[in-house]
Amino acid sequence: MTTDQIKDLVLRAIGDIAPEADLEDIDPDEELREQLDIDSMDFLNIVTVIHEETGIDIPEADYPKIASLNQCVTYLQAKTR
């Protein structure tokens, strides 16, 4: 997957879980939970959508590694190589 494909996937997942979020204003370096004001269940749902779309298992211990959009992209790129 390319960087753009991964970014689009993550943004789609966010849009599914938090439809009120302005996806164009997401700061790629800021933690998603804080800037979107979502709880841990919403974050888990985003992770679930990513897993369903990619087949990549993301263990709970790795959640801090995918806290921001850029971190998600980096993490998923490493898993798809």
PDB file of N, CA and C in Angstrom:
ATOM      1  N   MET A   1       0.843  -1.192   0.000  1.00  0.00           N
ATOM      2  CA  MET A   1       0.000   0.000   0.000  1.00  0.00           C
ATOM      3  C   MET A   1       0.880   1.246   0.000  1.00  0.00           C
ATOM      4  N   THR A   2       0.442   2.235  -0.726  1.00  0.00           N
ATOM      5  CA  THR A   2       1.178   3.496  -0.755  1.00  0.00           C
ATOM      6  C   THR A   2       0.792   4.349   0.448  1.00  0.00           C
ATOM      7  N   THR A   3       1.575   5.377   0.679  1.00  0.00           N
ATOM      8  CA  THR A   3       1.285   6.307   1.768  1.00  0.00           C
ATOM      9  C   THR A   3      -0.102   6.915   1.599  1.00  0.00           C
ATOM     10  N   ASP A   4      -0.429   7.331   0.398  1.00  0.00           N
ATOM     11  CA  ASP A   4      -1.740   7.945   0.149  1.00  0.00           C
ATOM     12  C   ASP A   4      -2.878   6.950   0.362  1.00  0.00           C
ATOM     13  N   GLN A   5      -2.687   5.707  -0.056  1.00  0.00           N
ATOM     14  CA  GLN A   5      -3.722   4.692   0.152  1.00  0.00           C
ATOM     15  C   GLN A   5      -3.964   4.448   1.631  1.00  0.00           C
ATOM     16  N   ILE A   6      -2.885   4.387   2.394  1.00  0.00           N
ATOM     17  CA  ILE A   6      -3.018   4.165   3.833  1.00  0.00           C
ATOM     18  C   ILE A   6      -3.706   5.362   4.485  1.00  0.00           C
ATOM     19  N   LYS A   7      -3.267   6.551   4.113  1.00  0.00           N
ATOM     20  CA  LYS A   7      -3.876   7.758   4.678  1.00  0.00           C
ATOM     21  C   LYS A   7      -5.369   7.807   4.359  1.00  0.00           C
ATOM     22  N   ASP A   8      -5.730   7.505   3.123  1.00  0.00           N
ATOM     23  CA  ASP A   8      -7.144   7.488   2.731  1.00  0.00           C
ATOM     24  C   ASP A   8      -7.926   6.450   3.532  1.00  0.00           C
ATOM     25  N   LEU A   9      -7.333   5.287   3.735  1.00  0.00           N
ATOM     26  CA  LEU A   9      -7.976   4.225   4.506  1.00  0.00           C
ATOM     27  C   LEU A   9      -8.250   4.682   5.935  1.00  0.00           C
ATOM     28  N   VAL A  10      -7.246   5.263   6.571  1.00  0.00           N
ATOM     29  CA  VAL A  10      -7.401   5.717   7.957  1.00  0.00           C
ATOM     30  C   VAL A  10      -8.442   6.827   8.040  1.00  0.00           C
ATOM     31  N   LEU A  11      -8.413   7.755   7.108  1.00  0.00           N
ATOM     32  CA  LEU A  11      -9.394   8.843   7.116  1.00  0.00           C
ATOM     33  C   LEU A  11     -10.812   8.325   6.871  1.00  0.00           C
ATOM     34  N   ARG A  12     -10.945   7.336   5.995  1.00  0.00           N
ATOM     35  CA  ARG A  12     -12.265   6.717   5.785  1.00  0.00           C
ATOM     36  C   ARG A  12     -12.758   6.050   7.059  1.00  0.00           C
ATOM     37  N   ALA A  13     -11.853   5.355   7.741  1.00  0.00           N
ATOM     38  CA  ALA A  13     -12.212   4.693   9.000  1.00  0.00           C
ATOM     39  C   ALA A  13     -12.664   5.722  10.027  1.00  0.00           C
ATOM     40  N   ILE A  14     -11.949   6.835  10.109  1.00  0.00           N
ATOM     41  CA  ILE A  14     -12.330   7.901  11.042  1.00  0.00           C
ATOM     42  C   ILE A  14     -13.701   8.451  10.658  1.00  0.00           C
ATOM     43  N   GLY A  15     -13.904   8.690   9.370  1.00  0.00           N
ATOM     44  CA  GLY A  15     -15.187   9.216   8.900  1.00  0.00           C
ATOM     45  C   GLY A  15     -16.348   8.284   9.207  1.00  0.00           C
ATOM     46  N   ASP A  16     -16.101   6.972   9.149  1.00  0.00           N
ATOM     47  CA  ASP A  16     -17.149   6.006   9.482  1.00  0.00           C
ATOM     48  C   ASP A  16     -17.519   6.064  10.960  1.00  0.00           C
ATOM     49  N   ILE A  17     -16.520   6.233  11.805  1.00  0.00           N
ATOM     50  CA  ILE A  17     -16.729   6.191  13.257  1.00  0.00           C
ATOM     51  C   ILE A  17     -17.104   7.561  13.815  1.00  0.00           C
ATOM     52  N   ALA A  18     -16.520   8.603  13.260  1.00  0.00           N
ATOM     53  CA  ALA A  18     -16.775   9.971  13.736  1.00  0.00           C
ATOM     54  C   ALA A  18     -17.182  10.834  12.548  1.00  0.00           C
ATOM     55  N   PRO A  19     -18.412  10.645  12.043  1.00  0.00           N
ATOM     56  CA  PRO A  19     -18.827  11.365  10.826  1.00  0.00           C
ATOM     57  C   PRO A  19     -18.840  12.885  10.977  1.00  0.00           C
ATOM     58  N   GLU A  20     -18.873  13.371  12.198  1.00  0.00           N
ATOM     59  CA  GLU A  20     -18.882  14.812  12.427  1.00  0.00           C
ATOM     60  C   GLU A  20     -17.479  15.421  12.318  1.00  0.00           C
ATOM     61  N   ALA A  21     -16.450  14.576  12.242  1.00  0.00           N
ATOM     62  CA  ALA A  21     -15.068  15.055  12.182  1.00  0.00           C
ATOM     63  C   ALA A  21     -14.791  15.724  10.839  1.00  0.00           C
ATOM     64  N   ASP A  22     -14.081  16.842  10.895  1.00  0.00           N
ATOM     65  CA  ASP A  22     -13.650  17.523   9.678  1.00  0.00           C
ATOM     66  C   ASP A  22     -12.309  16.919   9.278  1.00  0.00           C
ATOM     67  N   LEU A  23     -12.340  15.977   8.366  1.00  0.00           N
ATOM     68  CA  LEU A  23     -11.154  15.212   8.005  1.00  0.00           C
ATOM     69  C   LEU A  23     -10.059  16.067   7.378  1.00  0.00           C
ATOM     70  N   GLU A  24     -10.430  17.183   6.773  1.00  0.00           N
ATOM     71  CA  GLU A  24      -9.437  18.055   6.155  1.00  0.00           C
ATOM     72  C   GLU A  24      -8.638  18.854   7.181  1.00  0.00           C
ATOM     73  N   ASP A  25      -9.177  18.977   8.393  1.00  0.00           N
ATOM     74  CA  ASP A  25      -8.497  19.750   9.433  1.00  0.00           C
ATOM     75  C   ASP A  25      -7.698  18.890  10.403  1.00  0.00           C
ATOM     76  N   ILE A  26      -7.595  17.599  10.134  1.00  0.00           N
ATOM     77  CA  ILE A  26      -6.844  16.732  11.040  1.00  0.00           C
ATOM     78  C   ILE A  26      -5.364  17.050  10.942  1.00  0.00           C
ATOM     79  N   ASP A  27      -4.773  17.305  12.098  1.00  0.00           N
ATOM     80  CA  ASP A  27      -3.327  17.518  12.181  1.00  0.00           C
ATOM     81  C   ASP A  27      -2.688  16.130  12.189  1.00  0.00           C
ATOM     82  N   PRO A  28      -1.887  15.805  11.179  1.00  0.00           N
ATOM     83  CA  PRO A  28      -1.361  14.446  11.074  1.00  0.00           C
ATOM     84  C   PRO A  28      -0.398  14.047  12.189  1.00  0.00           C
ATOM     85  N   ASP A  29       0.088  15.026  12.957  1.00  0.00           N
ATOM     86  CA  ASP A  29       1.025  14.730  14.030  1.00  0.00           C
ATOM     87  C   ASP A  29       0.380  14.735  15.419  1.00  0.00           C
ATOM     88  N   GLU A  30      -0.846  15.168  15.508  1.00  0.00           N
ATOM     89  CA  GLU A  30      -1.540  15.233  16.796  1.00  0.00           C
ATOM     90  C   GLU A  30      -2.307  13.940  17.033  1.00  0.00           C
ATOM     91  N   GLU A  31      -2.405  13.544  18.298  1.00  0.00           N
ATOM     92  CA  GLU A  31      -3.119  12.316  18.635  1.00  0.00           C
ATOM     93  C   GLU A  31      -4.578  12.409  18.197  1.00  0.00           C
ATOM     94  N   LEU A  32      -5.031  11.368  17.515  1.00  0.00           N
ATOM     95  CA  LEU A  32      -6.385  11.348  16.981  1.00  0.00           C
ATOM     96  C   LEU A  32      -7.441  11.435  18.064  1.00  0.00           C
ATOM     97  N   ARG A  33      -7.262  10.696  19.147  1.00  0.00           N
ATOM     98  CA  ARG A  33      -8.281  10.683  20.201  1.00  0.00           C
ATOM     99  C   ARG A  33      -8.507  12.078  20.773  1.00  0.00           C
ATOM    100  N   GLU A  34      -7.438  12.825  20.942  1.00  0.00           N
ATOM    101  CA  GLU A  34      -7.566  14.161  21.521  1.00  0.00           C
ATOM    102  C   GLU A  34      -8.198  15.151  20.542  1.00  0.00           C
ATOM    103  N   GLN A  35      -7.707  15.173  19.315  1.00  0.00           N
ATOM    104  CA  GLN A  35      -8.220  16.178  18.389  1.00  0.00           C
ATOM    105  C   GLN A  35      -9.623  15.859  17.891  1.00  0.00           C
ATOM    106  N   LEU A  36     -10.006  14.587  17.898  1.00  0.00           N
ATOM    107  CA  LEU A  36     -11.351  14.219  17.459  1.00  0.00           C
ATOM    108  C   LEU A  36     -12.319  14.084  18.626  1.00  0.00           C
ATOM    109  N   ASP A  37     -11.771  14.126  19.835  1.00  0.00           N
ATOM    110  CA  ASP A  37     -12.565  13.970  21.060  1.00  0.00           C
ATOM    111  C   ASP A  37     -13.376  12.669  21.016  1.00  0.00           C
ATOM    112  N   ILE A  38     -12.646  11.577  20.733  1.00  0.00           N
ATOM    113  CA  ILE A  38     -13.291  10.267  20.708  1.00  0.00           C
ATOM    114  C   ILE A  38     -12.808   9.445  21.902  1.00  0.00           C
ATOM    115  N   ASP A  39     -13.635   8.499  22.317  1.00  0.00           N
ATOM    116  CA  ASP A  39     -13.257   7.664  23.450  1.00  0.00           C
ATOM    117  C   ASP A  39     -12.534   6.408  22.976  1.00  0.00           C
ATOM    118  N   SER A  40     -12.147   5.575  23.923  1.00  0.00           N
ATOM    119  CA  SER A  40     -11.370   4.387  23.585  1.00  0.00           C
ATOM    120  C   SER A  40     -12.162   3.407  22.726  1.00  0.00           C
ATOM    121  N   MET A  41     -13.465   3.343  22.893  1.00  0.00           N
ATOM    122  CA  MET A  41     -14.281   2.442  22.071  1.00  0.00           C
ATOM    123  C   MET A  41     -14.309   2.919  20.620  1.00  0.00           C
ATOM    124  N   ASP A  42     -14.419   4.223  20.414  1.00  0.00           N
ATOM    125  CA  ASP A  42     -14.378   4.756  19.057  1.00  0.00           C
ATOM    126  C   ASP A  42     -13.021   4.474  18.403  1.00  0.00           C
ATOM    127  N   PHE A  43     -11.954   4.639  19.185  1.00  0.00           N
ATOM    128  CA  PHE A  43     -10.621   4.358  18.660  1.00  0.00           C
ATOM    129  C   PHE A  43     -10.506   2.876  18.297  1.00  0.00           C
ATOM    130  N   LEU A  44     -11.030   2.008  19.152  1.00  0.00           N
ATOM    131  CA  LEU A  44     -11.027   0.573  18.881  1.00  0.00           C
ATOM    132  C   LEU A  44     -11.807   0.274  17.598  1.00  0.00           C
ATOM    133  N   ASN A  45     -12.906   0.963  17.395  1.00  0.00           N
ATOM    134  CA  ASN A  45     -13.692   0.770  16.177  1.00  0.00           C
ATOM    135  C   ASN A  45     -12.906   1.200  14.933  1.00  0.00           C
ATOM    136  N   ILE A  46     -12.125   2.260  15.049  1.00  0.00           N
ATOM    137  CA  ILE A  46     -11.269   2.691  13.937  1.00  0.00           C
ATOM    138  C   ILE A  46     -10.235   1.606  13.645  1.00  0.00           C
ATOM    139  N   VAL A  47      -9.631   1.070  14.690  1.00  0.00           N
ATOM    140  CA  VAL A  47      -8.646  -0.005  14.530  1.00  0.00           C
ATOM    141  C   VAL A  47      -9.303  -1.226  13.873  1.00  0.00           C
ATOM    142  N   THR A  48     -10.528  -1.523  14.262  1.00  0.00           N
ATOM    143  CA  THR A  48     -11.253  -2.660  13.689  1.00  0.00           C
ATOM    144  C   THR A  48     -11.492  -2.462  12.199  1.00  0.00           C
ATOM    145  N   VAL A  49     -11.895  -1.262  11.810  1.00  0.00           N
ATOM    146  CA  VAL A  49     -12.111  -0.978  10.386  1.00  0.00           C
ATOM    147  C   VAL A  49     -10.796  -1.141   9.616  1.00  0.00           C
ATOM    148  N   ILE A  50      -9.710  -0.634  10.165  1.00  0.00           N
ATOM    149  CA  ILE A  50      -8.403  -0.766   9.516  1.00  0.00           C
ATOM    150  C   ILE A  50      -8.053  -2.246   9.358  1.00  0.00           C
ATOM    151  N   HIS A  51      -8.279  -3.022  10.408  1.00  0.00           N
ATOM    152  CA  HIS A  51      -8.000  -4.460  10.350  1.00  0.00           C
ATOM    153  C   HIS A  51      -8.846  -5.142   9.277  1.00  0.00           C
ATOM    154  N   GLU A  52     -10.135  -4.811   9.233  1.00  0.00           N
ATOM    155  CA  GLU A  52     -11.022  -5.431   8.250  1.00  0.00           C
ATOM    156  C   GLU A  52     -10.613  -5.091   6.820  1.00  0.00           C
ATOM    157  N   GLU A  53     -10.123  -3.878   6.620  1.00  0.00           N
ATOM    158  CA  GLU A  53      -9.730  -3.444   5.273  1.00  0.00           C
ATOM    159  C   GLU A  53      -8.372  -4.001   4.842  1.00  0.00           C
ATOM    160  N   THR A  54      -7.474  -4.215   5.804  1.00  0.00           N
ATOM    161  CA  THR A  54      -6.104  -4.603   5.464  1.00  0.00           C
ATOM    162  C   THR A  54      -5.751  -6.030   5.859  1.00  0.00           C
ATOM    163  N   GLY A  55      -6.457  -6.582   6.835  1.00  0.00           N
ATOM    164  CA  GLY A  55      -6.100  -7.895   7.357  1.00  0.00           C
ATOM    165  C   GLY A  55      -4.944  -7.831   8.343  1.00  0.00           C
ATOM    166  N   ILE A  56      -4.486  -6.630   8.649  1.00  0.00           N
ATOM    167  CA  ILE A  56      -3.360  -6.455   9.565  1.00  0.00           C
ATOM    168  C   ILE A  56      -3.876  -6.443  11.001  1.00  0.00           C
ATOM    169  N   ASP A  57      -3.326  -7.338  11.819  1.00  0.00           N
ATOM    170  CA  ASP A  57      -3.664  -7.344  13.243  1.00  0.00           C
ATOM    171  C   ASP A  57      -2.874  -6.244  13.938  1.00  0.00           C
ATOM    172  N   ILE A  58      -3.570  -5.451  14.727  1.00  0.00           N
ATOM    173  CA  ILE A  58      -2.921  -4.393  15.502  1.00  0.00           C
ATOM    174  C   ILE A  58      -3.195  -4.700  16.970  1.00  0.00           C
ATOM    175  N   PRO A  59      -2.213  -5.287  17.663  1.00  0.00           N
ATOM    176  CA  PRO A  59      -2.436  -5.619  19.072  1.00  0.00           C
ATOM    177  C   PRO A  59      -2.581  -4.362  19.927  1.00  0.00           C
ATOM    178  N   GLU A  60      -3.299  -4.511  21.000  1.00  0.00           N
ATOM    179  CA  GLU A  60      -3.546  -3.368  21.894  1.00  0.00           C
ATOM    180  C   GLU A  60      -2.249  -2.728  22.366  1.00  0.00           C
ATOM    181  N   ALA A  61      -1.211  -3.519  22.541  1.00  0.00           N
ATOM    182  CA  ALA A  61       0.080  -2.974  22.974  1.00  0.00           C
ATOM    183  C   ALA A  61       0.668  -2.002  21.954  1.00  0.00           C
ATOM    184  N   ASP A  62       0.220  -2.099  20.693  1.00  0.00           N
ATOM    185  CA  ASP A  62       0.721  -1.207  19.644  1.00  0.00           C
ATOM    186  C   ASP A  62      -0.127   0.043  19.449  1.00  0.00           C
ATOM    187  N   TYR A  63      -1.213   0.187  20.160  1.00  0.00           N
ATOM    188  CA  TYR A  63      -2.074   1.360  19.986  1.00  0.00           C
ATOM    189  C   TYR A  63      -1.321   2.674  20.150  1.00  0.00           C
ATOM    190  N   PRO A  64      -0.384   2.780  21.087  1.00  0.00           N
ATOM    191  CA  PRO A  64       0.374   4.044  21.172  1.00  0.00           C
ATOM    192  C   PRO A  64       1.187   4.339  19.906  1.00  0.00           C
ATOM    193  N   LYS A  65       1.492   3.308  19.135  1.00  0.00           N
ATOM    194  CA  LYS A  65       2.264   3.483  17.910  1.00  0.00           C
ATOM    195  C   LYS A  65       1.408   3.999  16.760  1.00  0.00           C
ATOM    196  N   ILE A  66       0.078   4.018  16.944  1.00  0.00           N
ATOM    197  CA  ILE A  66      -0.828   4.491  15.894  1.00  0.00           C
ATOM    198  C   ILE A  66      -1.708   5.632  16.404  1.00  0.00           C
ATOM    199  N   ALA A  67      -1.189   6.387  17.340  1.00  0.00           N
ATOM    200  CA  ALA A  67      -1.979   7.440  17.984  1.00  0.00           C
ATOM    201  C   ALA A  67      -2.324   8.595  17.048  1.00  0.00           C
ATOM    202  N   SER A  68      -1.436   8.905  16.111  1.00  0.00           N
ATOM    203  CA  SER A  68      -1.689  10.009  15.171  1.00  0.00           C
ATOM    204  C   SER A  68      -1.826   9.453  13.755  1.00  0.00           C
ATOM    205  N   LEU A  69      -2.275  10.279  12.845  1.00  0.00           N
ATOM    206  CA  LEU A  69      -2.419   9.855  11.453  1.00  0.00           C
ATOM    207  C   LEU A  69      -1.064   9.445  10.880  1.00  0.00           C
ATOM    208  N   ASN A  70      -0.041  10.256  11.106  1.00  0.00           N
ATOM    209  CA  ASN A  70       1.289   9.918  10.584  1.00  0.00           C
ATOM    210  C   ASN A  70       1.822   8.633  11.200  1.00  0.00           C
ATOM    211  N   GLN A  71       1.565   8.426  12.485  1.00  0.00           N
ATOM    212  CA  GLN A  71       2.002   7.194  13.126  1.00  0.00           C
ATOM    213  C   GLN A  71       1.278   5.988  12.521  1.00  0.00           C
ATOM    214  N   CYS A  72      -0.006   6.132  12.230  1.00  0.00           N
ATOM    215  CA  CYS A  72      -0.765   5.055  11.582  1.00  0.00           C
ATOM    216  C   CYS A  72      -0.144   4.701  10.242  1.00  0.00           C
ATOM    217  N   VAL A  73       0.171   5.720   9.452  1.00  0.00           N
ATOM    218  CA  VAL A  73       0.748   5.495   8.129  1.00  0.00           C
ATOM    219  C   VAL A  73       2.080   4.757   8.262  1.00  0.00           C
ATOM    220  N   THR A  74       2.940   5.221   9.134  1.00  0.00           N
ATOM    221  CA  THR A  74       4.250   4.592   9.328  1.00  0.00           C
ATOM    222  C   THR A  74       4.101   3.143   9.781  1.00  0.00           C
ATOM    223  N   TYR A  75       3.225   2.923  10.739  1.00  0.00           N
ATOM    224  CA  TYR A  75       2.999   1.575  11.296  1.00  0.00           C
ATOM    225  C   TYR A  75       2.471   0.639  10.210  1.00  0.00           C
ATOM    226  N   LEU A  76       1.470   1.065   9.490  1.00  0.00           N
ATOM    227  CA  LEU A  76       0.856   0.200   8.478  1.00  0.00           C
ATOM    228  C   LEU A  76       1.787  -0.030   7.293  1.00  0.00           C
ATOM    229  N   GLN A  77       2.573   0.952   6.928  1.00  0.00           N
ATOM    230  CA  GLN A  77       3.554   0.757   5.856  1.00  0.00           C
ATOM    231  C   GLN A  77       4.547  -0.341   6.231  1.00  0.00           C
ATOM    232  N   ALA A  78       5.003  -0.314   7.471  1.00  0.00           N
ATOM    233  CA  ALA A  78       5.958  -1.329   7.934  1.00  0.00           C
ATOM    234  C   ALA A  78       5.319  -2.723   7.914  1.00  0.00           C
ATOM    235  N   LYS A  79       4.041  -2.800   8.183  1.00  0.00           N
ATOM    236  CA  LYS A  79       3.345  -4.088   8.227  1.00  0.00           C
ATOM    237  C   LYS A  79       2.993  -4.621   6.834  1.00  0.00           C
ATOM    238  N   THR A  80       2.993  -3.756   5.819  1.00  0.00           N
ATOM    239  CA  THR A  80       2.611  -4.190   4.476  1.00  0.00           C
ATOM    240  C   THR A  80       3.822  -4.479   3.595  1.00  0.00           C
ATOM    241  N   ARG A  81       4.991  -4.339   4.127  1.00  0.00           N
ATOM    242  CA  ARG A  81       6.200  -4.599   3.318  1.00  0.00           C
ATOM    243  C   ARG A  81       6.557  -6.056   3.328  1.00  0.00           C
TER     244      ARG A  81
END
